[in-house]
Protein backbone atom coordinates (compact mmCIF):
# COMPACT_ATOMS: atom_id res chain seq x y z
CA MET A 1 -1.65 6.46 -37.75
CA SER A 2 -1.06 2.93 -39.06
CA VAL A 3 1.97 2.56 -36.76
CA SER A 4 -0.20 3.46 -33.77
CA ILE A 5 -2.83 0.93 -34.80
CA PHE A 6 -0.16 -1.75 -35.12
CA TYR A 7 1.13 -1.08 -31.59
CA ILE A 8 -2.38 -1.01 -30.16
CA TRP A 9 -3.09 -4.37 -31.80
CA ARG A 10 0.25 -5.83 -30.63
CA THR A 11 -0.39 -4.66 -27.05
CA TYR A 12 -3.86 -6.19 -27.14
CA GLU A 13 -2.46 -9.52 -28.40
CA ARG A 14 0.34 -9.57 -25.83
CA ASN A 15 -2.11 -8.83 -23.01
CA LYS A 16 -4.02 -12.00 -23.94
CA GLU A 17 -0.81 -13.97 -23.40
CA TRP A 18 -0.36 -12.51 -19.91
CA ARG A 19 -3.66 -14.03 -18.76
CA ASN A 20 -2.38 -17.59 -19.03
CA PRO A 21 1.05 -18.34 -17.50
CA ILE A 22 1.71 -21.29 -19.82
CA VAL A 23 0.93 -19.27 -22.95
CA PHE A 24 3.00 -16.38 -21.61
CA TYR A 25 6.09 -18.45 -20.82
CA GLU A 26 5.88 -20.54 -24.00
CA SER A 27 5.66 -17.42 -26.10
CA THR A 28 8.41 -15.59 -24.20
CA ILE A 29 10.80 -18.56 -24.43
CA ARG A 30 10.70 -18.18 -28.22
CA TYR A 31 12.56 -14.89 -27.76
CA LYS A 32 14.93 -16.09 -25.04
CA PRO A 33 15.26 -19.89 -25.28
CA ASP A 34 18.31 -20.02 -23.00
CA SER A 35 16.60 -18.42 -20.01
CA LEU A 36 16.75 -20.68 -16.98
CA ARG A 37 14.21 -18.59 -15.13
CA LEU A 38 11.64 -18.71 -17.93
CA ARG A 39 12.06 -22.48 -18.33
CA ASN A 40 11.77 -23.05 -14.59
CA ASN A 41 8.69 -20.83 -14.37
CA LEU A 42 7.13 -22.65 -17.32
CA ALA A 43 7.77 -25.97 -15.55
CA MET A 44 6.04 -24.65 -12.42
CA ALA A 45 3.08 -23.45 -14.52
CA TYR A 46 2.84 -26.92 -16.07
CA ILE A 47 2.82 -28.49 -12.59
CA ASP A 48 0.04 -26.12 -11.51
CA ALA A 49 -1.94 -27.18 -14.60
CA GLY A 50 -1.39 -30.89 -13.91
CA ARG A 51 0.89 -31.34 -16.91
CA GLU A 52 3.63 -33.31 -15.16
CA GLU A 53 5.30 -34.73 -18.27
CA ASP A 54 5.67 -31.24 -19.74
CA ALA A 55 7.00 -29.99 -16.41
CA ILE A 56 9.63 -32.72 -16.25
CA ARG A 57 10.73 -31.88 -19.79
CA GLU A 58 11.08 -28.18 -18.95
CA TYR A 59 12.92 -28.85 -15.69
CA LYS A 60 15.36 -30.99 -17.67
CA ASN A 61 15.72 -28.23 -20.28
CA ALA A 62 16.42 -25.67 -17.57
CA ILE A 63 18.94 -27.92 -15.86
CA SER A 64 20.75 -28.67 -19.12
CA LEU A 65 21.21 -24.94 -19.73
CA GLY A 66 22.34 -23.97 -16.32
CA ASP A 67 25.12 -23.42 -13.93
CA TYR A 68 24.47 -26.14 -11.38
CA ARG A 69 26.30 -24.45 -8.53
CA ALA A 70 24.32 -21.23 -8.87
CA ALA A 71 21.05 -23.12 -9.26
CA ILE A 72 21.72 -25.25 -6.18
CA ARG A 73 22.64 -22.17 -4.17
CA GLU A 74 19.43 -20.37 -5.16
CA LEU A 75 17.26 -23.42 -4.55
CA LYS A 76 18.75 -23.92 -1.10
CA LYS A 77 18.06 -20.25 -0.32
CA SER A 78 14.42 -20.76 -1.26
CA LEU A 79 14.26 -23.78 1.05
CA GLU A 80 15.62 -21.71 3.93
CA ILE A 81 12.54 -19.55 3.49
CA ASP A 82 10.12 -22.44 3.02
CA ASN A 83 11.46 -25.98 3.29
CA GLY A 84 8.09 -27.35 2.18
CA PHE A 85 8.33 -25.71 -1.25
CA LEU A 86 8.30 -28.86 -3.38
CA TYR A 87 9.29 -27.12 -6.62
CA SER A 88 12.72 -26.46 -5.16
CA HIS A 89 13.07 -30.03 -3.92
CA GLU A 90 12.05 -31.31 -7.36
CA SER A 91 14.63 -29.14 -9.06
CA LEU A 92 17.33 -30.23 -6.63
CA ALA A 93 16.45 -33.90 -7.16
CA LEU A 94 16.80 -33.49 -10.93
CA ILE A 95 20.03 -31.51 -10.69
CA TYR A 96 21.61 -33.98 -8.28
CA PHE A 97 20.52 -36.89 -10.47
CA ASN A 98 21.97 -35.27 -13.60
CA GLN A 99 25.23 -34.65 -11.76
CA GLY A 100 25.44 -38.28 -10.66
CA ARG A 101 24.92 -37.29 -7.02
CA PHE A 102 22.45 -40.12 -6.49
CA ASP A 103 22.41 -40.16 -2.67
CA GLU A 104 21.41 -36.50 -2.60
CA ALA A 105 18.91 -36.99 -5.43
CA LYS A 106 17.36 -39.91 -3.54
CA LYS A 107 17.12 -37.85 -0.35
CA GLU A 108 15.26 -35.08 -2.22
CA ALA A 109 12.98 -37.57 -4.00
CA LEU A 110 12.07 -39.26 -0.71
CA PHE A 111 11.34 -35.87 0.88
CA ILE A 112 9.02 -35.05 -2.03
CA LEU A 113 7.22 -38.40 -1.92
CA GLU A 114 6.66 -38.19 1.83
CA ARG A 115 4.64 -35.05 1.22
CA GLU A 116 3.17 -35.89 -2.16
CA PRO A 117 3.16 -39.67 -2.79
CA ASP A 118 2.02 -39.41 -6.42
CA ASN A 119 4.64 -36.83 -7.43
CA LYS A 120 5.96 -37.84 -10.86
CA ILE A 121 9.34 -36.18 -10.51
CA GLY A 122 10.04 -37.84 -7.17
CA ARG A 123 8.97 -41.23 -8.52
CA GLU A 124 10.96 -40.84 -11.75
CA VAL A 125 14.16 -39.95 -9.91
CA LEU A 126 13.79 -42.89 -7.51
CA GLU A 127 13.01 -45.32 -10.34
CA LYS A 128 16.07 -44.25 -12.31
CA ILE A 129 18.34 -44.49 -9.28
CA SER A 130 17.03 -47.96 -8.48
CA PHE A 131 18.08 -49.35 -11.86
């Protein structure tokens, strides 16, 4: 009986986490800190919540963990479906910047800023390239 109560309680607690994407991803990352997908999804949730600094940190964490070639390939696939999807352009800008591919990073940052002039990721990439 006490085991059943424990699992009922644990299910109830976990369901509360599912209601808020940030809480869900932050809690799940504790169990799988090297997950690129979880870190990228957390960054997108931060963007949706207006937490740009947190999003930039998580994008950088995801990039530092990842296989750049696979990430670039997947991001480009997403842009074939919807070229206006700024999350993918932001990720590409950060990846290209971290790889030292500044011309490509600048191109992505400019694309982002044309559509969203106050975008922090686009501005940060351009500022760093300019120095």
